[in-house]
């Protein structure tokens, strides 16, 4: 019997694995403590919006659980601000020089200078091996270069340092699709959605994969 068509593996054009476009921090805003308190305010959507946006500028890795909870807020703006804030927090190493180096690598990656970007991110990793986003950005470059095994290895390093990284989790899924292993890809897309249920394209891909795997199961009967 004819096999079901393969789902669109690369419909994540911007690559969640290494999203570079995050909302800029507001020029002035609440302190970290004020932002956390505002984000936890169940009575005011405006306060929660202000808190989520404020953590983009002042938040730390310790604030990720609060931001993950905000990804399930009833208000879509709060959810969007929380997702942007997570990317902003992830992109801060605590060392201005390393952050500038990371930005250089991102610019090289966006200019399709893959080999140069990989070298730059390797320098970031050498200087701050505890910085998960250095590993994540190099994983993205390796993915773009077709170095899927290297990309998987770097994703492992990301998750060791940042288990909330829904970009790296969806990245595993994309890599396994490229390797022709949809049954391994689906659980990672589901894990990414467990952290961030607002990833529409990831959800569409996961649903397509479920249909594909069900169809393959029928064809083996």
N, C-alpha and C. Protein backbone atom coordinates (compact mmCIF):
# COMPACT_ATOMS: atom_id res chain seq x y z
N UNK A 1 0.85 -1.19 0.00
CA UNK A 1 0.00 0.00 0.00
C UNK A 1 0.89 1.25 0.00
N UNK A 2 0.39 2.31 -0.65
CA UNK A 2 1.19 3.53 -0.78
C UNK A 2 1.38 4.17 0.57
N UNK A 3 2.62 4.59 0.87
CA UNK A 3 2.93 5.21 2.15
C UNK A 3 2.42 6.64 2.16
N UNK A 4 2.02 7.08 3.38
CA UNK A 4 1.52 8.44 3.52
C UNK A 4 2.63 9.43 3.20
N UNK A 5 2.25 10.58 2.66
CA UNK A 5 3.23 11.62 2.34
C UNK A 5 3.90 12.12 3.60
N UNK A 6 5.18 12.41 3.47
CA UNK A 6 5.94 12.91 4.61
C UNK A 6 5.49 14.33 4.96
N UNK A 7 5.27 14.64 6.24
CA UNK A 7 4.86 15.99 6.61
C UNK A 7 5.96 16.99 6.31
N UNK A 8 5.57 18.25 6.19
CA UNK A 8 6.55 19.30 5.93
C UNK A 8 7.51 19.41 7.11
N UNK A 9 8.73 19.00 6.88
CA UNK A 9 9.71 18.93 7.98
C UNK A 9 10.25 20.28 8.35
N UNK A 10 10.32 21.19 7.39
CA UNK A 10 11.02 22.44 7.65
C UNK A 10 10.09 23.62 7.58
N UNK A 11 8.89 23.51 8.17
CA UNK A 11 7.96 24.63 8.10
C UNK A 11 8.26 25.68 9.16
N UNK A 12 9.29 25.46 9.97
CA UNK A 12 9.69 26.46 10.95
C UNK A 12 10.75 27.34 10.33
N UNK A 13 10.35 28.27 9.51
CA UNK A 13 11.28 29.06 8.72
C UNK A 13 12.32 29.79 9.54
N UNK A 14 11.93 30.35 10.66
CA UNK A 14 12.87 31.14 11.47
C UNK A 14 13.70 30.28 12.39
N UNK A 15 13.43 28.97 12.40
CA UNK A 15 14.16 28.03 13.25
C UNK A 15 14.04 28.38 14.73
N UNK A 16 13.05 27.78 15.35
CA UNK A 16 12.89 27.98 16.79
C UNK A 16 14.15 27.59 17.54
N UNK A 17 14.88 26.68 16.94
CA UNK A 17 16.13 26.23 17.55
C UNK A 17 17.05 27.39 17.88
N UNK A 18 17.01 28.44 17.07
CA UNK A 18 17.94 29.54 17.31
C UNK A 18 17.28 30.87 17.04
N UNK A 19 16.07 31.08 17.52
CA UNK A 19 15.37 32.33 17.26
C UNK A 19 16.20 33.51 17.68
N UNK A 20 16.37 34.46 16.76
CA UNK A 20 17.21 35.62 17.04
C UNK A 20 16.38 36.87 17.28
N UNK A 21 15.15 36.89 16.77
CA UNK A 21 14.35 38.09 16.90
C UNK A 21 13.52 38.08 18.16
N UNK A 22 13.88 38.85 19.13
CA UNK A 22 13.11 38.96 20.36
C UNK A 22 12.72 40.39 20.56
N UNK A 23 11.65 40.59 21.31
CA UNK A 23 11.17 41.95 21.52
C UNK A 23 12.21 42.75 22.30
N UNK A 24 12.49 43.97 21.88
CA UNK A 24 13.45 44.79 22.62
C UNK A 24 12.91 45.16 23.99
N UNK A 25 13.82 45.26 24.94
CA UNK A 25 13.40 45.64 26.29
C UNK A 25 12.91 47.08 26.30
N UNK A 26 11.95 47.35 27.13
CA UNK A 26 11.45 48.71 27.26
C UNK A 26 12.54 49.60 27.84
N UNK A 27 12.57 50.89 27.46
CA UNK A 27 13.62 51.78 27.95
C UNK A 27 13.67 51.86 29.46
N UNK A 28 12.52 51.85 30.08
CA UNK A 28 12.47 51.90 31.54
C UNK A 28 11.35 51.00 32.00
N UNK A 29 11.49 50.43 33.16
CA UNK A 29 10.45 49.53 33.62
C UNK A 29 10.67 49.13 35.05
N UNK A 30 9.92 48.15 35.50
CA UNK A 30 10.01 47.73 36.90
C UNK A 30 11.32 47.01 37.18
N UNK A 31 11.69 46.99 38.44
CA UNK A 31 12.82 46.17 38.84
C UNK A 31 12.44 44.71 38.71
N UNK A 32 13.42 43.83 38.82
CA UNK A 32 13.14 42.40 38.72
C UNK A 32 12.11 41.99 39.76
N UNK A 33 12.28 42.43 40.98
CA UNK A 33 11.36 42.05 42.05
C UNK A 33 9.95 42.58 41.77
N UNK A 34 9.87 43.80 41.29
CA UNK A 34 8.56 44.38 40.95
C UNK A 34 7.92 43.63 39.78
N UNK A 35 8.75 43.25 38.80
CA UNK A 35 8.23 42.53 37.65
C UNK A 35 7.69 41.16 38.06
N UNK A 36 8.41 40.46 38.92
CA UNK A 36 7.94 39.15 39.39
C UNK A 36 6.63 39.28 40.15
N UNK A 37 6.52 40.29 40.99
CA UNK A 37 5.30 40.49 41.74
C UNK A 37 4.14 40.82 40.80
N UNK A 38 4.40 41.67 39.81
CA UNK A 38 3.35 42.04 38.87
C UNK A 38 2.90 40.83 38.05
N UNK A 39 3.85 39.99 37.64
CA UNK A 39 3.52 38.83 36.83
C UNK A 39 2.64 37.85 37.60
N UNK A 40 2.78 37.86 38.91
CA UNK A 40 2.01 36.93 39.75
C UNK A 40 0.66 37.50 40.19
N UNK A 41 0.31 38.69 39.72
CA UNK A 41 -0.93 39.35 40.15
C UNK A 41 -2.12 38.78 39.38
N UNK A 42 -2.98 38.00 40.04
CA UNK A 42 -4.10 37.39 39.32
C UNK A 42 -5.24 38.36 39.04
N UNK A 43 -5.19 39.55 39.61
CA UNK A 43 -6.30 40.49 39.50
C UNK A 43 -6.13 41.50 38.38
N UNK A 44 -4.94 41.61 37.80
CA UNK A 44 -4.69 42.68 36.83
C UNK A 44 -3.91 42.15 35.63
N UNK A 45 -4.56 42.12 34.47
CA UNK A 45 -3.87 41.70 33.26
C UNK A 45 -2.80 42.70 32.87
N UNK A 46 -3.05 43.99 33.14
CA UNK A 46 -2.05 45.00 32.81
C UNK A 46 -0.79 44.80 33.65
N UNK A 47 -0.98 44.43 34.91
CA UNK A 47 0.18 44.18 35.77
C UNK A 47 0.97 42.99 35.24
N UNK A 48 0.28 41.93 34.83
CA UNK A 48 0.97 40.74 34.34
C UNK A 48 1.70 41.04 33.03
N UNK A 49 1.10 41.85 32.18
CA UNK A 49 1.78 42.26 30.94
C UNK A 49 3.06 43.03 31.28
N UNK A 50 2.92 43.95 32.21
CA UNK A 50 4.07 44.77 32.62
C UNK A 50 5.16 43.89 33.24
N UNK A 51 4.74 42.91 34.04
CA UNK A 51 5.70 42.03 34.67
C UNK A 51 6.43 41.16 33.68
N UNK A 52 5.69 40.58 32.72
CA UNK A 52 6.33 39.72 31.73
C UNK A 52 7.30 40.51 30.88
N UNK A 53 6.90 41.69 30.46
CA UNK A 53 7.79 42.52 29.65
C UNK A 53 9.00 42.97 30.46
N UNK A 54 8.77 43.31 31.72
CA UNK A 54 9.87 43.76 32.56
C UNK A 54 10.93 42.70 32.77
N UNK A 55 10.50 41.44 32.88
CA UNK A 55 11.47 40.36 33.09
C UNK A 55 12.35 40.15 31.87
N UNK A 56 11.88 40.59 30.70
CA UNK A 56 12.73 40.52 29.54
C UNK A 56 13.99 41.34 29.72
N UNK A 57 13.87 42.44 30.45
CA UNK A 57 15.01 43.33 30.67
C UNK A 57 15.80 42.98 31.92
N UNK A 58 15.13 42.45 32.94
CA UNK A 58 15.78 42.29 34.24
C UNK A 58 15.82 40.85 34.74
N UNK A 59 15.12 39.94 34.08
CA UNK A 59 14.99 38.57 34.59
C UNK A 59 16.28 37.78 34.52
N UNK A 60 16.31 36.71 35.30
CA UNK A 60 17.44 35.79 35.33
C UNK A 60 16.95 34.37 35.08
N UNK A 61 17.87 33.44 34.95
CA UNK A 61 17.49 32.05 34.74
C UNK A 61 16.62 31.53 35.87
N UNK A 62 16.77 32.08 37.07
CA UNK A 62 15.96 31.64 38.20
C UNK A 62 14.49 32.00 38.02
N UNK A 63 14.19 32.91 37.09
CA UNK A 63 12.81 33.35 36.88
C UNK A 63 12.10 32.55 35.80
N UNK A 64 12.77 31.57 35.21
CA UNK A 64 12.15 30.81 34.14
C UNK A 64 10.87 30.09 34.56
N UNK A 65 10.80 29.48 35.77
CA UNK A 65 9.54 28.84 36.14
C UNK A 65 8.36 29.81 36.13
N UNK A 66 8.56 31.04 36.59
CA UNK A 66 7.48 32.03 36.58
C UNK A 66 7.09 32.37 35.15
N UNK A 67 8.07 32.48 34.26
CA UNK A 67 7.76 32.79 32.87
C UNK A 67 7.09 31.61 32.17
N UNK A 68 7.48 30.38 32.51
CA UNK A 68 6.81 29.22 31.93
C UNK A 68 5.34 29.20 32.34
N UNK A 69 5.07 29.53 33.59
CA UNK A 69 3.66 29.60 34.02
C UNK A 69 2.92 30.67 33.22
N UNK A 70 3.60 31.77 32.95
CA UNK A 70 2.96 32.87 32.21
C UNK A 70 2.67 32.48 30.76
N UNK A 71 3.33 31.46 30.24
CA UNK A 71 3.03 30.99 28.89
C UNK A 71 1.64 30.38 28.80
N UNK A 72 1.00 30.16 29.95
CA UNK A 72 -0.35 29.62 30.00
C UNK A 72 -1.36 30.65 30.51
N UNK A 73 -0.96 31.89 30.56
CA UNK A 73 -1.85 32.95 31.01
C UNK A 73 -3.07 33.04 30.09
N UNK A 74 -4.20 33.46 30.64
CA UNK A 74 -5.41 33.62 29.84
C UNK A 74 -5.27 34.72 28.79
N UNK A 75 -4.36 35.64 29.01
CA UNK A 75 -4.18 36.79 28.11
C UNK A 75 -3.09 36.50 27.09
N UNK A 76 -3.40 36.66 25.81
CA UNK A 76 -2.45 36.36 24.74
C UNK A 76 -1.24 37.28 24.78
N UNK A 77 -1.43 38.53 25.19
CA UNK A 77 -0.31 39.47 25.24
C UNK A 77 0.68 39.05 26.33
N UNK A 78 0.17 38.64 27.48
CA UNK A 78 1.04 38.15 28.54
C UNK A 78 1.85 36.96 28.03
N UNK A 79 1.19 36.05 27.33
CA UNK A 79 1.89 34.87 26.82
C UNK A 79 3.00 35.26 25.84
N UNK A 80 2.69 36.22 24.96
CA UNK A 80 3.69 36.67 23.98
C UNK A 80 4.87 37.35 24.67
N UNK A 81 4.58 38.23 25.62
CA UNK A 81 5.65 38.91 26.36
C UNK A 81 6.50 37.90 27.12
N UNK A 82 5.86 36.89 27.70
CA UNK A 82 6.61 35.89 28.46
C UNK A 82 7.55 35.11 27.56
N UNK A 83 7.09 34.73 26.37
CA UNK A 83 7.96 34.00 25.43
C UNK A 83 9.14 34.86 25.01
N UNK A 84 8.87 36.13 24.68
CA UNK A 84 9.96 37.04 24.31
C UNK A 84 10.94 37.21 25.47
N UNK A 85 10.40 37.32 26.67
CA UNK A 85 11.26 37.51 27.85
C UNK A 85 12.18 36.32 28.05
N UNK A 86 11.68 35.12 27.80
CA UNK A 86 12.52 33.94 27.95
C UNK A 86 13.70 33.99 26.99
N UNK A 87 13.46 34.34 25.74
CA UNK A 87 14.57 34.45 24.79
C UNK A 87 15.56 35.52 25.22
N UNK A 88 15.06 36.62 25.76
CA UNK A 88 15.96 37.68 26.21
C UNK A 88 16.82 37.21 27.40
N UNK A 89 16.19 36.54 28.34
CA UNK A 89 16.93 36.01 29.49
C UNK A 89 17.99 35.02 29.02
N UNK A 90 17.59 34.13 28.10
CA UNK A 90 18.52 33.12 27.61
C UNK A 90 19.72 33.75 26.90
N UNK A 91 19.53 34.92 26.33
CA UNK A 91 20.60 35.55 25.54
C UNK A 91 21.57 36.38 26.38
N UNK A 92 21.38 36.41 27.68
CA UNK A 92 22.29 37.14 28.57
C UNK A 92 23.19 36.17 29.31
N UNK A 93 24.49 36.29 29.07
CA UNK A 93 25.44 35.37 29.70
C UNK A 93 25.93 35.88 31.05
N UNK A 94 25.75 37.17 31.31
CA UNK A 94 26.32 37.78 32.49
C UNK A 94 27.68 38.40 32.23
N UNK A 95 28.13 38.32 30.98
CA UNK A 95 29.42 38.88 30.58
C UNK A 95 29.17 39.68 29.30
N UNK A 96 29.33 40.99 29.36
CA UNK A 96 29.02 41.85 28.22
C UNK A 96 29.84 41.49 26.99
N UNK A 97 31.10 41.13 27.19
CA UNK A 97 31.94 40.76 26.05
C UNK A 97 31.42 39.49 25.38
N UNK A 98 31.01 38.52 26.18
CA UNK A 98 30.46 37.29 25.62
C UNK A 98 29.14 37.58 24.90
N UNK A 99 28.33 38.45 25.47
CA UNK A 99 27.06 38.80 24.81
C UNK A 99 27.31 39.47 23.46
N UNK A 100 28.32 40.32 23.40
CA UNK A 100 28.64 40.95 22.11
C UNK A 100 29.14 39.92 21.11
N UNK A 101 29.92 38.96 21.59
CA UNK A 101 30.41 37.90 20.71
C UNK A 101 29.25 37.06 20.20
N UNK A 102 28.29 36.78 21.08
CA UNK A 102 27.10 36.03 20.66
C UNK A 102 26.38 36.79 19.55
N UNK A 103 26.24 38.09 19.70
CA UNK A 103 25.54 38.89 18.70
C UNK A 103 26.28 38.87 17.37
N UNK A 104 27.60 38.89 17.40
CA UNK A 104 28.38 38.79 16.16
C UNK A 104 28.07 37.47 15.47
N UNK A 105 28.04 36.40 16.24
CA UNK A 105 27.72 35.10 15.66
C UNK A 105 26.33 35.06 15.06
N UNK A 106 25.37 35.69 15.72
CA UNK A 106 24.00 35.74 15.19
C UNK A 106 23.98 36.49 13.86
N UNK A 107 24.71 37.60 13.81
CA UNK A 107 24.77 38.37 12.56
C UNK A 107 25.42 37.54 11.44
N UNK A 108 26.46 36.80 11.78
CA UNK A 108 27.09 35.93 10.78
C UNK A 108 26.12 34.85 10.32
N UNK A 109 25.39 34.29 11.26
CA UNK A 109 24.43 33.25 10.91
C UNK A 109 23.34 33.80 10.01
N UNK A 110 22.84 34.98 10.33
CA UNK A 110 21.79 35.59 9.51
C UNK A 110 22.30 35.95 8.12
N UNK A 111 23.61 36.22 8.02
CA UNK A 111 24.22 36.52 6.72
C UNK A 111 24.63 35.25 5.97
N UNK A 112 24.27 34.10 6.52
CA UNK A 112 24.56 32.79 5.92
C UNK A 112 26.07 32.51 5.87
N UNK A 113 26.77 33.05 6.84
CA UNK A 113 28.20 32.75 6.98
C UNK A 113 28.33 31.66 8.05
N UNK A 114 27.89 30.47 7.67
CA UNK A 114 27.74 29.40 8.65
C UNK A 114 29.03 28.98 9.33
N UNK A 115 30.08 28.78 8.57
CA UNK A 115 31.34 28.32 9.16
C UNK A 115 31.90 29.37 10.12
N UNK A 116 31.82 30.64 9.72
CA UNK A 116 32.31 31.71 10.59
C UNK A 116 31.48 31.80 11.86
N UNK A 117 30.16 31.65 11.71
CA UNK A 117 29.28 31.70 12.88
C UNK A 117 29.59 30.55 13.84
N UNK A 118 29.82 29.36 13.29
CA UNK A 118 30.15 28.20 14.14
C UNK A 118 31.42 28.47 14.93
N UNK A 119 32.42 29.07 14.29
CA UNK A 119 33.66 29.40 14.99
C UNK A 119 33.41 30.44 16.09
N UNK A 120 32.57 31.42 15.80
CA UNK A 120 32.27 32.45 16.81
C UNK A 120 31.55 31.84 18.00
N UNK A 121 30.57 31.00 17.75
CA UNK A 121 29.84 30.39 18.86
C UNK A 121 30.74 29.42 19.64
N UNK A 122 31.70 28.81 18.96
CA UNK A 122 32.66 27.97 19.67
C UNK A 122 33.49 28.81 20.63
N UNK A 123 33.83 30.03 20.23
CA UNK A 123 34.54 30.95 21.13
C UNK A 123 33.67 31.33 22.32
N UNK A 124 32.38 31.54 22.07
CA UNK A 124 31.45 31.84 23.17
C UNK A 124 31.44 30.69 24.16
N UNK A 125 31.33 29.47 23.65
CA UNK A 125 31.29 28.28 24.51
C UNK A 125 32.58 28.14 25.31
N UNK A 126 33.72 28.41 24.65
CA UNK A 126 35.00 28.28 25.35
C UNK A 126 35.10 29.27 26.50
N UNK A 127 34.54 30.46 26.31
CA UNK A 127 34.62 31.47 27.35
C UNK A 127 33.58 31.27 28.45
N UNK A 128 32.38 30.78 28.06
CA UNK A 128 31.32 30.56 29.05
C UNK A 128 30.64 29.23 28.78
N UNK A 129 31.27 28.12 29.14
CA UNK A 129 30.67 26.82 28.86
C UNK A 129 29.35 26.58 29.58
N UNK A 130 29.07 27.37 30.62
CA UNK A 130 27.82 27.22 31.34
C UNK A 130 26.68 27.98 30.67
N UNK A 131 26.96 28.73 29.63
CA UNK A 131 25.98 29.58 28.96
C UNK A 131 25.25 28.76 27.90
N UNK A 132 24.01 28.37 28.19
CA UNK A 132 23.28 27.45 27.32
C UNK A 132 23.07 28.00 25.93
N UNK A 133 22.88 29.31 25.81
CA UNK A 133 22.55 29.86 24.50
C UNK A 133 23.71 29.81 23.53
N UNK A 134 24.94 29.81 24.03
CA UNK A 134 26.07 29.60 23.13
C UNK A 134 25.98 28.25 22.45
N UNK A 135 25.66 27.22 23.21
CA UNK A 135 25.49 25.88 22.65
C UNK A 135 24.30 25.85 21.70
N UNK A 136 23.20 26.53 22.08
CA UNK A 136 22.00 26.51 21.25
C UNK A 136 22.25 27.15 19.89
N UNK A 137 22.95 28.29 19.90
CA UNK A 137 23.19 28.95 18.62
C UNK A 137 24.12 28.11 17.74
N UNK A 138 25.10 27.45 18.35
CA UNK A 138 25.96 26.60 17.53
C UNK A 138 25.18 25.40 17.00
N UNK A 139 24.25 24.88 17.81
CA UNK A 139 23.39 23.79 17.33
C UNK A 139 22.61 24.23 16.10
N UNK A 140 22.14 25.48 16.12
CA UNK A 140 21.39 26.01 14.99
C UNK A 140 22.26 26.07 13.74
N UNK A 141 23.48 26.58 13.91
CA UNK A 141 24.38 26.67 12.75
C UNK A 141 24.68 25.28 12.20
N UNK A 142 24.96 24.33 13.08
CA UNK A 142 25.25 22.98 12.61
C UNK A 142 24.04 22.41 11.86
N UNK A 143 22.85 22.70 12.35
CA UNK A 143 21.64 22.25 11.65
C UNK A 143 21.59 22.84 10.25
N UNK A 144 21.83 24.14 10.14
CA UNK A 144 21.79 24.80 8.84
C UNK A 144 22.86 24.27 7.90
N UNK A 145 23.99 23.83 8.46
CA UNK A 145 25.07 23.27 7.65
C UNK A 145 24.87 21.80 7.33
N UNK A 146 23.80 21.22 7.86
CA UNK A 146 23.56 19.80 7.62
C UNK A 146 24.37 18.88 8.51
N UNK A 147 24.98 19.44 9.55
CA UNK A 147 25.78 18.64 10.49
C UNK A 147 24.86 18.19 11.63
N UNK A 148 23.97 17.26 11.32
CA UNK A 148 22.89 16.94 12.25
C UNK A 148 23.36 16.27 13.53
N UNK A 149 24.35 15.41 13.45
CA UNK A 149 24.84 14.75 14.66
C UNK A 149 25.49 15.75 15.61
N UNK A 150 26.26 16.68 15.04
CA UNK A 150 26.84 17.73 15.87
C UNK A 150 25.75 18.61 16.49
N UNK A 151 24.71 18.88 15.71
CA UNK A 151 23.61 19.69 16.23
C UNK A 151 22.92 18.99 17.39
N UNK A 152 22.70 17.68 17.25
CA UNK A 152 22.09 16.92 18.34
C UNK A 152 22.96 16.97 19.59
N UNK A 153 24.26 16.83 19.43
CA UNK A 153 25.16 16.85 20.59
C UNK A 153 25.09 18.19 21.30
N UNK A 154 25.00 19.28 20.53
CA UNK A 154 24.91 20.60 21.16
C UNK A 154 23.55 20.80 21.82
N UNK A 155 22.50 20.26 21.23
CA UNK A 155 21.19 20.32 21.89
C UNK A 155 21.23 19.62 23.24
N UNK A 156 21.95 18.51 23.32
CA UNK A 156 22.11 17.83 24.61
C UNK A 156 22.72 18.77 25.64
N UNK A 157 23.72 19.54 25.22
CA UNK A 157 24.37 20.48 26.13
C UNK A 157 23.42 21.60 26.55
N UNK A 158 22.58 22.05 25.63
CA UNK A 158 21.60 23.09 25.97
C UNK A 158 20.67 22.60 27.08
N UNK A 159 20.10 21.42 26.88
CA UNK A 159 19.10 20.92 27.82
C UNK A 159 19.71 20.59 29.18
N UNK A 160 21.00 20.26 29.22
CA UNK A 160 21.64 20.04 30.52
C UNK A 160 21.67 21.33 31.33
N UNK A 161 21.76 22.45 30.64
CA UNK A 161 21.88 23.74 31.31
C UNK A 161 20.56 24.49 31.41
N UNK A 162 19.63 24.18 30.51
CA UNK A 162 18.35 24.89 30.47
C UNK A 162 17.25 23.95 30.01
N UNK A 163 16.65 23.21 30.95
CA UNK A 163 15.62 22.23 30.57
C UNK A 163 14.34 22.85 30.04
N UNK A 164 14.20 24.17 30.16
CA UNK A 164 13.01 24.84 29.66
C UNK A 164 13.16 25.30 28.21
N UNK A 165 14.25 25.00 27.57
CA UNK A 165 14.53 25.57 26.25
C UNK A 165 13.68 24.89 25.18
N UNK A 166 12.50 25.45 24.96
CA UNK A 166 11.58 24.88 23.98
C UNK A 166 12.14 24.98 22.56
N UNK A 167 13.05 25.94 22.31
CA UNK A 167 13.68 26.02 21.01
C UNK A 167 14.55 24.82 20.72
N UNK A 168 15.37 24.43 21.70
CA UNK A 168 16.22 23.25 21.52
C UNK A 168 15.38 21.98 21.44
N UNK A 169 14.31 21.91 22.23
CA UNK A 169 13.45 20.73 22.17
C UNK A 169 12.82 20.57 20.80
N UNK A 170 12.32 21.66 20.23
CA UNK A 170 11.76 21.57 18.88
C UNK A 170 12.88 21.33 17.87
N UNK A 171 14.08 21.81 18.20
CA UNK A 171 15.23 21.54 17.33
C UNK A 171 15.53 20.06 17.20
N UNK A 172 15.47 19.34 18.32
CA UNK A 172 15.62 17.88 18.23
C UNK A 172 14.64 17.31 17.21
N UNK A 173 13.40 17.76 17.32
CA UNK A 173 12.38 17.25 16.42
C UNK A 173 12.71 17.50 14.96
N UNK A 174 13.16 18.71 14.65
CA UNK A 174 13.50 19.03 13.27
C UNK A 174 14.67 18.20 12.76
N UNK A 175 15.65 17.99 13.65
CA UNK A 175 16.81 17.19 13.25
C UNK A 175 16.39 15.76 12.95
N UNK A 176 15.58 15.18 13.84
CA UNK A 176 15.17 13.79 13.62
C UNK A 176 14.29 13.66 12.38
N UNK A 177 13.54 14.71 12.04
CA UNK A 177 12.81 14.66 10.77
C UNK A 177 13.78 14.63 9.60
N UNK A 178 14.82 15.45 9.66
CA UNK A 178 15.81 15.46 8.60
C UNK A 178 16.52 14.11 8.48
N UNK A 179 16.65 13.42 9.60
CA UNK A 179 17.29 12.10 9.60
C UNK A 179 16.31 10.99 9.24
N UNK A 180 15.07 11.37 8.92
CA UNK A 180 14.07 10.38 8.53
C UNK A 180 13.57 9.52 9.66
N UNK A 181 13.51 10.09 10.88
CA UNK A 181 13.08 9.32 12.04
C UNK A 181 11.91 10.04 12.75
N UNK A 182 10.75 10.06 12.11
CA UNK A 182 9.61 10.80 12.67
C UNK A 182 9.15 10.29 14.03
N UNK A 183 9.32 9.00 14.29
CA UNK A 183 8.89 8.46 15.59
C UNK A 183 9.74 9.02 16.72
N UNK A 184 10.98 9.40 16.44
CA UNK A 184 11.81 10.06 17.45
C UNK A 184 11.53 11.55 17.50
N UNK A 185 11.14 12.12 16.38
CA UNK A 185 10.89 13.57 16.33
C UNK A 185 9.66 13.95 17.15
N UNK A 186 8.60 13.17 17.05
CA UNK A 186 7.33 13.56 17.67
C UNK A 186 7.45 13.80 19.18
N UNK A 187 8.09 12.94 19.97
CA UNK A 187 8.16 13.21 21.41
C UNK A 187 8.84 14.53 21.75
N UNK A 188 9.80 14.93 20.95
CA UNK A 188 10.47 16.20 21.23
C UNK A 188 9.58 17.39 20.91
N UNK A 189 8.82 17.29 19.85
CA UNK A 189 7.86 18.37 19.58
C UNK A 189 6.84 18.45 20.72
N UNK A 190 6.43 17.29 21.21
CA UNK A 190 5.47 17.28 22.32
C UNK A 190 6.08 17.87 23.59
N UNK A 191 7.36 17.58 23.84
CA UNK A 191 8.03 18.17 25.01
C UNK A 191 8.13 19.69 24.87
N UNK A 192 8.42 20.16 23.66
CA UNK A 192 8.47 21.61 23.44
C UNK A 192 7.12 22.24 23.74
N UNK A 193 6.05 21.59 23.33
CA UNK A 193 4.70 22.11 23.58
C UNK A 193 4.33 22.01 25.06
N UNK A 194 4.88 21.04 25.76
CA UNK A 194 4.64 20.95 27.20
C UNK A 194 5.19 22.19 27.91
N UNK A 195 6.33 22.69 27.42
CA UNK A 195 6.89 23.91 28.01
C UNK A 195 6.16 25.13 27.50
N UNK A 196 5.97 25.21 26.19
CA UNK A 196 5.35 26.38 25.57
C UNK A 196 4.24 25.94 24.63
N UNK A 197 3.00 25.96 25.11
CA UNK A 197 1.88 25.49 24.27
C UNK A 197 1.49 26.46 23.17
N UNK A 198 2.20 27.57 23.03
CA UNK A 198 1.83 28.60 22.05
C UNK A 198 2.59 28.48 20.73
N UNK A 199 3.31 27.40 20.54
CA UNK A 199 4.11 27.21 19.33
C UNK A 199 3.22 26.60 18.24
N UNK A 200 2.55 27.47 17.50
CA UNK A 200 1.56 27.01 16.54
C UNK A 200 2.13 26.10 15.47
N UNK A 201 3.27 26.45 14.89
CA UNK A 201 3.85 25.63 13.83
C UNK A 201 4.34 24.29 14.37
N UNK A 202 4.86 24.30 15.58
CA UNK A 202 5.28 23.03 16.20
C UNK A 202 4.06 22.15 16.41
N UNK A 203 2.96 22.73 16.86
CA UNK A 203 1.74 21.94 17.06
C UNK A 203 1.25 21.35 15.74
N UNK A 204 1.28 22.14 14.67
CA UNK A 204 0.86 21.63 13.37
C UNK A 204 1.75 20.48 12.91
N UNK A 205 3.04 20.61 13.13
CA UNK A 205 3.97 19.55 12.74
C UNK A 205 3.71 18.29 13.55
N UNK A 206 3.49 18.46 14.86
CA UNK A 206 3.22 17.30 15.71
C UNK A 206 1.95 16.59 15.28
N UNK A 207 0.93 17.35 14.94
CA UNK A 207 -0.33 16.73 14.51
C UNK A 207 -0.13 15.98 13.19
N UNK A 208 0.65 16.57 12.27
CA UNK A 208 0.93 15.90 11.01
C UNK A 208 1.71 14.61 11.24
N UNK A 209 2.65 14.65 12.17
CA UNK A 209 3.43 13.45 12.47
C UNK A 209 2.56 12.36 13.08
N UNK A 210 1.64 12.74 13.95
CA UNK A 210 0.74 11.73 14.53
C UNK A 210 -0.06 11.04 13.43
N UNK A 211 -0.57 11.84 12.49
CA UNK A 211 -1.33 11.25 11.39
C UNK A 211 -0.45 10.33 10.55
N UNK A 212 0.78 10.76 10.29
CA UNK A 212 1.70 9.95 9.50
C UNK A 212 1.99 8.62 10.19
N UNK A 213 2.27 8.67 11.49
CA UNK A 213 2.63 7.45 12.21
C UNK A 213 1.44 6.51 12.33
N UNK A 214 0.25 7.07 12.47
CA UNK A 214 -0.95 6.24 12.52
C UNK A 214 -1.13 5.53 11.17
N UNK A 215 -0.94 6.29 10.07
CA UNK A 215 -1.08 5.72 8.74
C UNK A 215 -0.04 4.62 8.51
N UNK A 216 1.18 4.86 8.93
CA UNK A 216 2.22 3.83 8.76
C UNK A 216 1.88 2.57 9.55
N UNK A 217 1.29 2.79 10.74
CA UNK A 217 0.91 1.64 11.54
C UNK A 217 -0.16 0.82 10.84
N UNK A 218 -1.10 1.49 10.17
CA UNK A 218 -2.15 0.78 9.45
C UNK A 218 -1.58 0.00 8.28
N UNK A 219 -0.56 0.57 7.62
CA UNK A 219 -0.01 -0.08 6.43
C UNK A 219 0.79 -1.32 6.77
N UNK A 220 1.16 -1.46 8.04
CA UNK A 220 1.92 -2.66 8.42
C UNK A 220 1.00 -3.80 8.84
N UNK A 221 -0.30 -3.51 8.94
CA UNK A 221 -1.26 -4.56 9.37
C UNK A 221 -1.54 -5.50 8.22
